[in-house]
């Protein structure tokens, strides 16, 4: 018995040693993405674009940090901290190369509900200066940031728990129409929250259901209290920002460095306000005193965690959804992958750790990601460079921002939300592809502006699931014509030559958000596997299994093994006769598969498509001017491939 136990112990010990040597390294690479890209960082090619992007990003981080801190009902300096620490944490743990984590309008708006509820506004304001608290701030300001930090801490804990539970795999429920509608509605809320600064009005904090409408009702009731100087300065700032940014976009290919109009406007407005003493002459609200330095870390108030659970869940879900959409968009654009579950960990730590440094809830922002795109950023080094510049602002430049007018800061925020607000244009796209998705977008947007971003998100997800459940029972499960055609194409030979390089794949299920991701993965794997070994299937029965994709190659089910034609261009025919219904996510995935095949020099043809599917694919993929890819049947598609092959051979002979 003793020998058996010793033998078992040796086996366990060998497994532990094996884990330490190999698995631990793999785990570190998977959980610390910086270890994967940092060692192979190309200084010569990437440092200059990353530096330029970092400088421009720092300007955005500072302006948005100040504004979103005020939006979160805390002192502006805490927004600067929120632009520093989360960006460093995400650069280490995050996978999005063009995702800049920091203060975020939607999470700030959610945390403001907890701040205003637990520490209501009193006679003090943001310009109050007192030596009684940390950094010379009043106890009132420290109580407020304590609540916001508690929301950030608990929201991050929720995200880390979701990472542990592997809930990243459930993100397929978050369809593009739902995310688009939620972010557009939340951006509308943010614009509404800035109205009082744009108009120079004194307004009580208004929130809750239908608070959006109550704010505008208050504005119209007190329209006479609008401050003309603030209104004119706001309009001038918005015009300058929009005009210069449009010019930057128009001529970005001709100019090497875009004009940092946000920074120029901040300097010009602060200087003009200081010279004209606008704070006292015209009564303009200014940012006020920004203290030097960073205070010592302190744990958030744990005794109020139970009172901020609702806001913490909102921050965790809304922040993650908005950030993941940007990370996935970046990965799709620059051809790399993002682990949905790892993003839970990255954003969770970006909320938990900074909460000890008086930071408000954080997430990625569309404006910052768009800025990184336009300035040619390559890696997260751009974010780390921006952190150095933000640190310089905190220790040296911050107090000079005292004279920055609040109306100018609000104008910068409103213009920065342009990317979210123009998502209204998506309505035309959804209407042409799938009217049910259009209805979900509109209803999700309405729920978001009537209640809150987290409520709108939940409503959109529930509606999407309900619609799919209602549509699936109507889906066809078997089509005899499909079986006959498969038998035909298996035996098809043209002039004694097998079309060995033709892959025929049948879609047997509806294509919706539930299976779109798996469809794309299965399709690309099937194509790549076929191209790698070019081995035919042995039995026709294997071609008819009940799977998402059924694939066959001509001449493979008659017992013969044709010789491969490695020099021939591969073609793939998608038999869509079993695709009974689809949604926008499914169509975009189909278009993405077409683009991926095209980039690999593979012809993707669609057979047996319904009229609605043709229209949706053409509209979603802008394929109106592309070559003919739709065919009435699989045999017609095979005939077209053979015709193109003969034309190609004729052309080659003519050249000879």
Foldseek 3Di string as FASTA:
>chain_A
DVVVVVVVVVVVVVVVVVCVPPVVVVVQCQQFVCVVAVVVDDCVPFVVLLLLLLVLLLLVQLLCLQQLCVLLVAASLLSLLQQFQLLVLCQGGFDFFLFGKGRDNFLSNLNSVQLCVVQNDDPDDNQDAACPDPLRDDVSRVVSLLSLLLLLQLLLVVLVVCLVVVVLVVCLLQDPLLLLLLLQLSLLVSLLSLVCQQQVHDDGDFAFFQSSVVSVVVCVVPVVRGQPVSNVVLVVLLVQVVVQVVVCVVCLVPDQHRDSSSVVLLVVQLVVCVVVVCCPPRVFDASHAQGADFDDFAARDPVCSVVCVVSSNVLNVSQLSVQVVLSVVSCLVVPHDGRSSSSSNSQSCSRNVSSRRSHGRMHTDPLSSVSSVSSVHDGSSSSVSSSVVSNCCRHPVVRSRRRRGSSSSSSVSSSSCVVSNVSVVCLVLQVLQPVLSSVLSVVLNVQCNRGHSVRSSVSSSVSVVVVCVVCQVVADQDDVVVVVVLVVQQADDDPNHFPLQEKEKEAQGAFESVCLVVVLVVVVVVNVVCLVPVWFDQAVVQQDDPDRMRMGGHNRHPRDTDDDDNVDQHEYEYEHQRNPYYHLSRLVSVLSSCVVCVVVRYHYAYECDDPSSVSSNCSNNVCPVPDHRYYDHPVVVVVVVVVVVVVVVVVVVVVD
